[in-house]
Amino acid sequence: MSLKEDFDNLIAKLQQERDEIGLKLHLATMEAKEEFDDAENQWRHLKIKAAEIADESVDTTEELIANAKIIAEELKNTYQRISKRLAE
């Protein structure tokens, strides 16, 4: 093989790898966005719960607070997964 053919093969392999990485990044970004959109729904739900807990005219139960904490923990884990995925 000539030097030019070696170089052309190298460029072709790099182009293929570049395209594959680009596609993986695009898909990972889409997955992260979808997961973040789902987390946004949980966030809105948690904000409502937090407002209920903060409202002194509403009778707050331990169950309500426990449920809010569960949602908060789930959100924390989701945000960490998204951050990790974006850092990769």
PDB file of N, CA and C in Angstrom:
ATOM      1  N   MET A   1       0.833  -1.176   0.000  1.00  0.00           N
ATOM      2  CA  MET A   1       0.000   0.000   0.000  1.00  0.00           C
ATOM      3  C   MET A   1       0.878   1.240   0.000  1.00  0.00           C
ATOM      4  N   SER A   2       0.407   2.205  -0.710  1.00  0.00           N
ATOM      5  CA  SER A   2       1.172   3.435  -0.767  1.00  0.00           C
ATOM      6  C   SER A   2       0.852   4.297   0.451  1.00  0.00           C
ATOM      7  N   LEU A   3       1.665   5.271   0.654  1.00  0.00           N
ATOM      8  CA  LEU A   3       1.469   6.211   1.764  1.00  0.00           C
ATOM      9  C   LEU A   3       0.141   6.937   1.620  1.00  0.00           C
ATOM     10  N   LYS A   4      -0.193   7.304   0.385  1.00  0.00           N
ATOM     11  CA  LYS A   4      -1.466   8.000   0.138  1.00  0.00           C
ATOM     12  C   LYS A   4      -2.647   7.082   0.456  1.00  0.00           C
ATOM     13  N   GLU A   5      -2.577   5.810   0.085  1.00  0.00           N
ATOM     14  CA  GLU A   5      -3.661   4.874   0.390  1.00  0.00           C
ATOM     15  C   GLU A   5      -3.800   4.671   1.893  1.00  0.00           C
ATOM     16  N   ASP A   6      -2.682   4.575   2.594  1.00  0.00           N
ATOM     17  CA  ASP A   6      -2.710   4.463   4.065  1.00  0.00           C
ATOM     18  C   ASP A   6      -3.394   5.676   4.677  1.00  0.00           C
ATOM     19  N   PHE A   7      -3.027   6.827   4.171  1.00  0.00           N
ATOM     20  CA  PHE A   7      -3.602   8.071   4.687  1.00  0.00           C
ATOM     21  C   PHE A   7      -5.105   8.130   4.383  1.00  0.00           C
ATOM     22  N   ASP A   8      -5.505   7.759   3.179  1.00  0.00           N
ATOM     23  CA  ASP A   8      -6.923   7.755   2.808  1.00  0.00           C
ATOM     24  C   ASP A   8      -7.717   6.798   3.688  1.00  0.00           C
ATOM     25  N   ASN A   9      -7.150   5.618   3.966  1.00  0.00           N
ATOM     26  CA  ASN A   9      -7.814   4.659   4.858  1.00  0.00           C
ATOM     27  C   ASN A   9      -7.961   5.223   6.273  1.00  0.00           C
ATOM     28  N   LEU A  10      -6.924   5.869   6.732  1.00  0.00           N
ATOM     29  CA  LEU A  10      -6.964   6.484   8.058  1.00  0.00           C
ATOM     30  C   LEU A  10      -8.062   7.546   8.120  1.00  0.00           C
ATOM     31  N   ILE A  11      -8.136   8.384   7.105  1.00  0.00           N
ATOM     32  CA  ILE A  11      -9.161   9.437   7.063  1.00  0.00           C
ATOM     33  C   ILE A  11     -10.553   8.802   7.032  1.00  0.00           C
ATOM     34  N   ALA A  12     -10.736   7.742   6.241  1.00  0.00           N
ATOM     35  CA  ALA A  12     -12.034   7.071   6.158  1.00  0.00           C
ATOM     36  C   ALA A  12     -12.431   6.480   7.511  1.00  0.00           C
ATOM     37  N   LYS A  13     -11.500   5.863   8.213  1.00  0.00           N
ATOM     38  CA  LYS A  13     -11.782   5.282   9.533  1.00  0.00           C
ATOM     39  C   LYS A  13     -12.111   6.377  10.548  1.00  0.00           C
ATOM     40  N   LEU A  14     -11.369   7.465  10.496  1.00  0.00           N
ATOM     41  CA  LEU A  14     -11.642   8.583  11.402  1.00  0.00           C
ATOM     42  C   LEU A  14     -13.021   9.180  11.131  1.00  0.00           C
ATOM     43  N   GLN A  15     -13.375   9.298   9.855  1.00  0.00           N
ATOM     44  CA  GLN A  15     -14.695   9.833   9.494  1.00  0.00           C
ATOM     45  C   GLN A  15     -15.806   8.939  10.028  1.00  0.00           C
ATOM     46  N   GLN A  16     -15.633   7.634   9.898  1.00  0.00           N
ATOM     47  CA  GLN A  16     -16.631   6.689  10.392  1.00  0.00           C
ATOM     48  C   GLN A  16     -16.755   6.785  11.919  1.00  0.00           C
ATOM     49  N   GLU A  17     -15.624   6.814  12.586  1.00  0.00           N
ATOM     50  CA  GLU A  17     -15.640   6.921  14.050  1.00  0.00           C
ATOM     51  C   GLU A  17     -16.271   8.237  14.489  1.00  0.00           C
ATOM     52  N   ARG A  18     -15.935   9.307  13.790  1.00  0.00           N
ATOM     53  CA  ARG A  18     -16.498  10.630  14.088  1.00  0.00           C
ATOM     54  C   ARG A  18     -18.022  10.599  13.939  1.00  0.00           C
ATOM     55  N   ASP A  19     -18.501  10.000  12.844  1.00  0.00           N
ATOM     56  CA  ASP A  19     -19.939   9.920  12.608  1.00  0.00           C
ATOM     57  C   ASP A  19     -20.636   9.103  13.689  1.00  0.00           C
ATOM     58  N   GLU A  20     -20.029   7.988  14.082  1.00  0.00           N
ATOM     59  CA  GLU A  20     -20.611   7.142  15.120  1.00  0.00           C
ATOM     60  C   GLU A  20     -20.675   7.871  16.458  1.00  0.00           C
ATOM     61  N   ILE A  21     -19.614   8.574  16.801  1.00  0.00           N
ATOM     62  CA  ILE A  21     -19.588   9.334  18.061  1.00  0.00           C
ATOM     63  C   ILE A  21     -20.628  10.447  18.020  1.00  0.00           C
ATOM     64  N   GLY A  22     -20.717  11.125  16.888  1.00  0.00           N
ATOM     65  CA  GLY A  22     -21.714  12.191  16.753  1.00  0.00           C
ATOM     66  C   GLY A  22     -23.124  11.676  16.955  1.00  0.00           C
ATOM     67  N   LEU A  23     -23.424  10.513  16.385  1.00  0.00           N
ATOM     68  CA  LEU A  23     -24.748   9.924  16.549  1.00  0.00           C
ATOM     69  C   LEU A  23     -24.997   9.540  18.004  1.00  0.00           C
ATOM     70  N   LYS A  24     -24.007   8.930  18.635  1.00  0.00           N
ATOM     71  CA  LYS A  24     -24.149   8.550  20.046  1.00  0.00           C
ATOM     72  C   LYS A  24     -24.372   9.775  20.928  1.00  0.00           C
ATOM     73  N   LEU A  25     -23.642  10.848  20.651  1.00  0.00           N
ATOM     74  CA  LEU A  25     -23.824  12.080  21.420  1.00  0.00           C
ATOM     75  C   LEU A  25     -25.228  12.639  21.235  1.00  0.00           C
ATOM     76  N   HIS A  26     -25.684  12.619  19.996  1.00  0.00           N
ATOM     77  CA  HIS A  26     -27.023  13.134  19.713  1.00  0.00           C
ATOM     78  C   HIS A  26     -28.072  12.329  20.465  1.00  0.00           C
ATOM     79  N   LEU A  27     -27.948  11.004  20.404  1.00  0.00           N
ATOM     80  CA  LEU A  27     -28.916  10.153  21.092  1.00  0.00           C
ATOM     81  C   LEU A  27     -28.828  10.318  22.600  1.00  0.00           C
ATOM     82  N   ALA A  28     -27.615  10.431  23.131  1.00  0.00           N
ATOM     83  CA  ALA A  28     -27.449  10.621  24.572  1.00  0.00           C
ATOM     84  C   ALA A  28     -28.067  11.946  25.001  1.00  0.00           C
ATOM     85  N   THR A  29     -27.884  12.968  24.180  1.00  0.00           N
ATOM     86  CA  THR A  29     -28.444  14.279  24.497  1.00  0.00           C
ATOM     87  C   THR A  29     -29.966  14.213  24.474  1.00  0.00           C
ATOM     88  N   MET A  30     -30.521  13.502  23.502  1.00  0.00           N
ATOM     89  CA  MET A  30     -31.976  13.363  23.429  1.00  0.00           C
ATOM     90  C   MET A  30     -32.508  12.618  24.645  1.00  0.00           C
ATOM     91  N   GLU A  31     -31.820  11.551  25.041  1.00  0.00           N
ATOM     92  CA  GLU A  31     -32.239  10.799  26.230  1.00  0.00           C
ATOM     93  C   GLU A  31     -32.180  11.681  27.469  1.00  0.00           C
ATOM     94  N   ALA A  32     -31.110  12.450  27.590  1.00  0.00           N
ATOM     95  CA  ALA A  32     -30.966  13.332  28.751  1.00  0.00           C
ATOM     96  C   ALA A  32     -32.079  14.372  28.754  1.00  0.00           C
ATOM     97  N   LYS A  33     -32.422  14.910  27.589  1.00  0.00           N
ATOM     98  CA  LYS A  33     -33.490  15.910  27.513  1.00  0.00           C
ATOM     99  C   LYS A  33     -34.825  15.295  27.898  1.00  0.00           C
ATOM    100  N   GLU A  34     -35.104  14.091  27.398  1.00  0.00           N
ATOM    101  CA  GLU A  34     -36.353  13.421  27.756  1.00  0.00           C
ATOM    102  C   GLU A  34     -36.421  13.150  29.259  1.00  0.00           C
ATOM    103  N   GLU A  35     -35.304  12.703  29.818  1.00  0.00           N
ATOM    104  CA  GLU A  35     -35.280  12.445  31.259  1.00  0.00           C
ATOM    105  C   GLU A  35     -35.454  13.743  32.040  1.00  0.00           C
ATOM    106  N   PHE A  36     -34.855  14.823  31.548  1.00  0.00           N
ATOM    107  CA  PHE A  36     -35.001  16.118  32.214  1.00  0.00           C
ATOM    108  C   PHE A  36     -36.450  16.605  32.113  1.00  0.00           C
ATOM    109  N   ASP A  37     -37.090  16.408  30.969  1.00  0.00           N
ATOM    110  CA  ASP A  37     -38.492  16.801  30.823  1.00  0.00           C
ATOM    111  C   ASP A  37     -39.370  16.054  31.824  1.00  0.00           C
ATOM    112  N   ASP A  38     -39.110  14.759  32.000  1.00  0.00           N
ATOM    113  CA  ASP A  38     -39.851  13.984  33.002  1.00  0.00           C
ATOM    114  C   ASP A  38     -39.576  14.525  34.409  1.00  0.00           C
ATOM    115  N   ALA A  39     -38.318  14.878  34.653  1.00  0.00           N
ATOM    116  CA  ALA A  39     -37.948  15.433  35.961  1.00  0.00           C
ATOM    117  C   ALA A  39     -38.644  16.769  36.204  1.00  0.00           C
ATOM    118  N   GLU A  40     -38.858  17.536  35.136  1.00  0.00           N
ATOM    119  CA  GLU A  40     -39.555  18.813  35.286  1.00  0.00           C
ATOM    120  C   GLU A  40     -40.977  18.603  35.794  1.00  0.00           C
ATOM    121  N   ASN A  41     -41.640  17.546  35.357  1.00  0.00           N
ATOM    122  CA  ASN A  41     -42.978  17.231  35.869  1.00  0.00           C
ATOM    123  C   ASN A  41     -42.914  16.890  37.346  1.00  0.00           C
ATOM    124  N   GLN A  42     -41.913  16.120  37.728  1.00  0.00           N
ATOM    125  CA  GLN A  42     -41.732  15.796  39.147  1.00  0.00           C
ATOM    126  C   GLN A  42     -41.436  17.065  39.946  1.00  0.00           C
ATOM    127  N   TRP A  43     -40.626  17.959  39.374  1.00  0.00           N
ATOM    128  CA  TRP A  43     -40.272  19.209  40.051  1.00  0.00           C
ATOM    129  C   TRP A  43     -41.522  20.037  40.328  1.00  0.00           C
ATOM    130  N   ARG A  44     -42.403  20.156  39.316  1.00  0.00           N
ATOM    131  CA  ARG A  44     -43.649  20.916  39.513  1.00  0.00           C
ATOM    132  C   ARG A  44     -44.493  20.274  40.612  1.00  0.00           C
ATOM    133  N   HIS A  45     -44.560  18.959  40.618  1.00  0.00           N
ATOM    134  CA  HIS A  45     -45.319  18.240  41.642  1.00  0.00           C
ATOM    135  C   HIS A  45     -44.714  18.500  43.029  1.00  0.00           C
ATOM    136  N   LEU A  46     -43.391  18.457  43.110  1.00  0.00           N
ATOM    137  CA  LEU A  46     -42.715  18.701  44.379  1.00  0.00           C
ATOM    138  C   LEU A  46     -42.953  20.130  44.861  1.00  0.00           C
ATOM    139  N   LYS A  47     -42.942  21.102  43.955  1.00  0.00           N
ATOM    140  CA  LYS A  47     -43.183  22.503  44.349  1.00  0.00           C
ATOM    141  C   LYS A  47     -44.586  22.668  44.925  1.00  0.00           C
ATOM    142  N   ILE A  48     -45.557  21.957  44.367  1.00  0.00           N
ATOM    143  CA  ILE A  48     -46.924  22.011  44.899  1.00  0.00           C
ATOM    144  C   ILE A  48     -46.954  21.427  46.304  1.00  0.00           C
ATOM    145  N   LYS A  49     -46.301  20.284  46.461  1.00  0.00           N
ATOM    146  CA  LYS A  49     -46.233  19.654  47.786  1.00  0.00           C
ATOM    147  C   LYS A  49     -45.537  20.581  48.793  1.00  0.00           C
ATOM    148  N   ALA A  50     -44.457  21.210  48.360  1.00  0.00           N
ATOM    149  CA  ALA A  50     -43.716  22.110  49.253  1.00  0.00           C
ATOM    150  C   ALA A  50     -44.593  23.289  49.667  1.00  0.00           C
ATOM    151  N   ALA A  51     -45.383  23.802  48.739  1.00  0.00           N
ATOM    152  CA  ALA A  51     -46.277  24.911  49.065  1.00  0.00           C
ATOM    153  C   ALA A  51     -47.344  24.468  50.064  1.00  0.00           C
ATOM    154  N   GLU A  52     -47.843  23.254  49.888  1.00  0.00           N
ATOM    155  CA  GLU A  52     -48.827  22.728  50.832  1.00  0.00           C
ATOM    156  C   GLU A  52     -48.220  22.570  52.221  1.00  0.00           C
ATOM    157  N   ILE A  53     -46.992  22.086  52.263  1.00  0.00           N
ATOM    158  CA  ILE A  53     -46.318  21.892  53.552  1.00  0.00           C
ATOM    159  C   ILE A  53     -46.050  23.239  54.220  1.00  0.00           C
ATOM    160  N   ALA A  54     -45.698  24.240  53.422  1.00  0.00           N
ATOM    161  CA  ALA A  54     -45.391  25.559  53.972  1.00  0.00           C
ATOM    162  C   ALA A  54     -46.648  26.322  54.400  1.00  0.00           C
ATOM    163  N   ASP A  55     -47.786  25.980  53.820  1.00  0.00           N
ATOM    164  CA  ASP A  55     -49.043  26.669  54.125  1.00  0.00           C
ATOM    165  C   ASP A  55     -49.538  26.233  55.502  1.00  0.00           C
ATOM    166  N   GLU A  56     -49.499  27.168  56.440  1.00  0.00           N
ATOM    167  CA  GLU A  56     -49.880  26.841  57.816  1.00  0.00           C
ATOM    168  C   GLU A  56     -51.375  26.583  57.968  1.00  0.00           C
ATOM    169  N   SER A  57     -52.186  26.999  56.983  1.00  0.00           N
ATOM    170  CA  SER A  57     -53.621  26.764  57.080  1.00  0.00           C
ATOM    171  C   SER A  57     -54.001  25.358  56.620  1.00  0.00           C
ATOM    172  N   VAL A  58     -53.046  24.669  55.988  1.00  0.00           N
ATOM    173  CA  VAL A  58     -53.294  23.302  55.537  1.00  0.00           C
ATOM    174  C   VAL A  58     -52.732  22.340  56.573  1.00  0.00           C
ATOM    175  N   ASP A  59     -53.529  21.345  56.908  1.00  0.00           N
ATOM    176  CA  ASP A  59     -53.093  20.343  57.881  1.00  0.00           C
ATOM    177  C   ASP A  59     -52.063  19.436  57.207  1.00  0.00           C
ATOM    178  N   THR A  60     -50.818  19.547  57.630  1.00  0.00           N
ATOM    179  CA  THR A  60     -49.729  18.774  57.042  1.00  0.00           C
ATOM    180  C   THR A  60     -49.538  17.478  57.811  1.00  0.00           C
ATOM    181  N   THR A  61     -49.542  16.384  57.078  1.00  0.00           N
ATOM    182  CA  THR A  61     -49.355  15.084  57.711  1.00  0.00           C
ATOM    183  C   THR A  61     -47.923  14.622  57.489  1.00  0.00           C
ATOM    184  N   GLU A  62     -47.527  13.708  58.322  1.00  0.00           N
ATOM    185  CA  GLU A  62     -46.192  13.119  58.154  1.00  0.00           C
ATOM    186  C   GLU A  62     -46.110  12.372  56.826  1.00  0.00           C
ATOM    187  N   GLU A  63     -47.234  11.794  56.413  1.00  0.00           N
ATOM    188  CA  GLU A  63     -47.274  11.068  55.140  1.00  0.00           C
ATOM    189  C   GLU A  63     -47.018  12.024  53.971  1.00  0.00           C
ATOM    190  N   LEU A  64     -47.597  13.216  54.012  1.00  0.00           N
ATOM    191  CA  LEU A  64     -47.381  14.206  52.962  1.00  0.00           C
ATOM    192  C   LEU A  64     -45.903  14.597  52.892  1.00  0.00           C
ATOM    193  N   ILE A  65     -45.312  14.830  54.039  1.00  0.00           N
ATOM    194  CA  ILE A  65     -43.890  15.199  54.085  1.00  0.00           C
ATOM    195  C   ILE A  65     -43.027  14.031  53.605  1.00  0.00           C
ATOM    196  N   ALA A  66     -43.354  12.818  54.019  1.00  0.00           N
ATOM    197  CA  ALA A  66     -42.593  11.643  53.597  1.00  0.00           C
ATOM    198  C   ALA A  66     -42.679  11.458  52.077  1.00  0.00           C
ATOM    199  N   ASN A  67     -43.867  11.640  51.500  1.00  0.00           N
ATOM    200  CA  ASN A  67     -44.028  11.535  50.056  1.00  0.00           C
ATOM    201  C   ASN A  67     -43.230  12.602  49.329  1.00  0.00           C
ATOM    202  N   ALA A  68     -43.223  13.803  49.864  1.00  0.00           N
ATOM    203  CA  ALA A  68     -42.454  14.894  49.259  1.00  0.00           C
ATOM    204  C   ALA A  68     -40.961  14.579  49.301  1.00  0.00           C
ATOM    205  N   LYS A  69     -40.512  14.000  50.401  1.00  0.00           N
ATOM    206  CA  LYS A  69     -39.098  13.624  50.512  1.00  0.00           C
ATOM    207  C   LYS A  69     -38.734  12.549  49.494  1.00  0.00           C
ATOM    208  N   ILE A  70     -39.635  11.608  49.266  1.00  0.00           N
ATOM    209  CA  ILE A  70     -39.388  10.555  48.273  1.00  0.00           C
ATOM    210  C   ILE A  70     -39.239  11.178  46.883  1.00  0.00           C
ATOM    211  N   ILE A  71     -40.130  12.068  46.554  1.00  0.00           N
ATOM    212  CA  ILE A  71     -40.060  12.749  45.255  1.00  0.00           C
ATOM    213  C   ILE A  71     -38.746  13.523  45.144  1.00  0.00           C
ATOM    214  N   ALA A  72     -38.356  14.196  46.216  1.00  0.00           N
ATOM    215  CA  ALA A  72     -37.112  14.969  46.210  1.00  0.00           C
ATOM    216  C   ALA A  72     -35.900  14.065  46.004  1.00  0.00           C
ATOM    217  N   GLU A  73     -35.892  12.914  46.652  1.00  0.00           N
ATOM    218  CA  GLU A  73     -34.780  11.960  46.487  1.00  0.00           C
ATOM    219  C   GLU A  73     -34.729  11.430  45.055  1.00  0.00           C
ATOM    220  N   GLU A  74     -35.897  11.132  44.489  1.00  0.00           N
ATOM    221  CA  GLU A  74     -35.950  10.660  43.103  1.00  0.00           C
ATOM    222  C   GLU A  74     -35.403  11.729  42.155  1.00  0.00           C
ATOM    223  N   LEU A  75     -35.787  12.979  42.406  1.00  0.00           N
ATOM    224  CA  LEU A  75     -35.289  14.084  41.580  1.00  0.00           C
ATOM    225  C   LEU A  75     -33.781  14.224  41.708  1.00  0.00           C
ATOM    226  N   LYS A  76     -33.292  14.116  42.921  1.00  0.00           N
ATOM    227  CA  LYS A  76     -31.848  14.211  43.152  1.00  0.00           C
ATOM    228  C   LYS A  76     -31.112  13.150  42.341  1.00  0.00           C
ATOM    229  N   ASN A  77     -31.609  11.912  42.393  1.00  0.00           N
ATOM    230  CA  ASN A  77     -30.986  10.821  41.645  1.00  0.00           C
ATOM    231  C   ASN A  77     -31.080  11.051  40.134  1.00  0.00           C
ATOM    232  N   THR A  78     -32.210  11.545  39.687  1.00  0.00           N
ATOM    233  CA  THR A  78     -32.387  11.833  38.269  1.00  0.00           C
ATOM    234  C   THR A  78     -31.416  12.907  37.817  1.00  0.00           C
ATOM    235  N   TYR A  79     -31.305  13.983  38.572  1.00  0.00           N
ATOM    236  CA  TYR A  79     -30.376  15.067  38.209  1.00  0.00           C
ATOM    237  C   TYR A  79     -28.930  14.558  38.168  1.00  0.00           C
ATOM    238  N   GLN A  80     -28.586  13.684  39.102  1.00  0.00           N
ATOM    239  CA  GLN A  80     -27.231  13.129  39.106  1.00  0.00           C
ATOM    240  C   GLN A  80     -26.968  12.263  37.874  1.00  0.00           C
ATOM    241  N   ARG A  81     -27.973  11.451  37.485  1.00  0.00           N
ATOM    242  CA  ARG A  81     -27.830  10.625  36.285  1.00  0.00           C
ATOM    243  C   ARG A  81     -27.657  11.501  35.044  1.00  0.00           C
ATOM    244  N   ILE A  82     -28.457  12.545  34.948  1.00  0.00           N
ATOM    245  CA  ILE A  82     -28.380  13.443  33.800  1.00  0.00           C
ATOM    246  C   ILE A  82     -27.021  14.123  33.762  1.00  0.00           C
ATOM    247  N   SER A  83     -26.577  14.622  34.887  1.00  0.00           N
ATOM    248  CA  SER A  83     -25.267  15.293  34.949  1.00  0.00           C
ATOM    249  C   SER A  83     -24.147  14.344  34.544  1.00  0.00           C
ATOM    250  N   LYS A  84     -24.230  13.122  35.029  1.00  0.00           N
ATOM    251  CA  LYS A  84     -23.197  12.125  34.691  1.00  0.00           C
ATOM    252  C   LYS A  84     -23.216  11.845  33.189  1.00  0.00           C
ATOM    253  N   ARG A  85     -24.404  11.694  32.632  1.00  0.00           N
ATOM    254  CA  ARG A  85     -24.517  11.411  31.199  1.00  0.00           C
ATOM    255  C   ARG A  85     -23.961  12.563  30.365  1.00  0.00           C
ATOM    256  N   LEU A  86     -24.216  13.779  30.791  1.00  0.00           N
ATOM    257  CA  LEU A  86     -23.716  14.939  30.037  1.00  0.00           C
ATOM    258  C   LEU A  86     -22.213  15.113  30.176  1.00  0.00           C
ATOM    259  N   ALA A  87     -21.655  14.615  31.286  1.00  0.00           N
ATOM    260  CA  ALA A  87     -20.205  14.743  31.499  1.00  0.00           C
ATOM    261  C   ALA A  87     -19.421  13.706  30.721  1.00  0.00           C
ATOM    262  N   GLU A  88     -20.074  12.645  30.267  1.00  0.00           N
ATOM    263  CA  GLU A  88     -19.370  11.562  29.573  1.00  0.00           C
ATOM    264  C   GLU A  88     -18.978  11.953  28.173  1.00  0.00           C
TER     265      GLU A  88
END
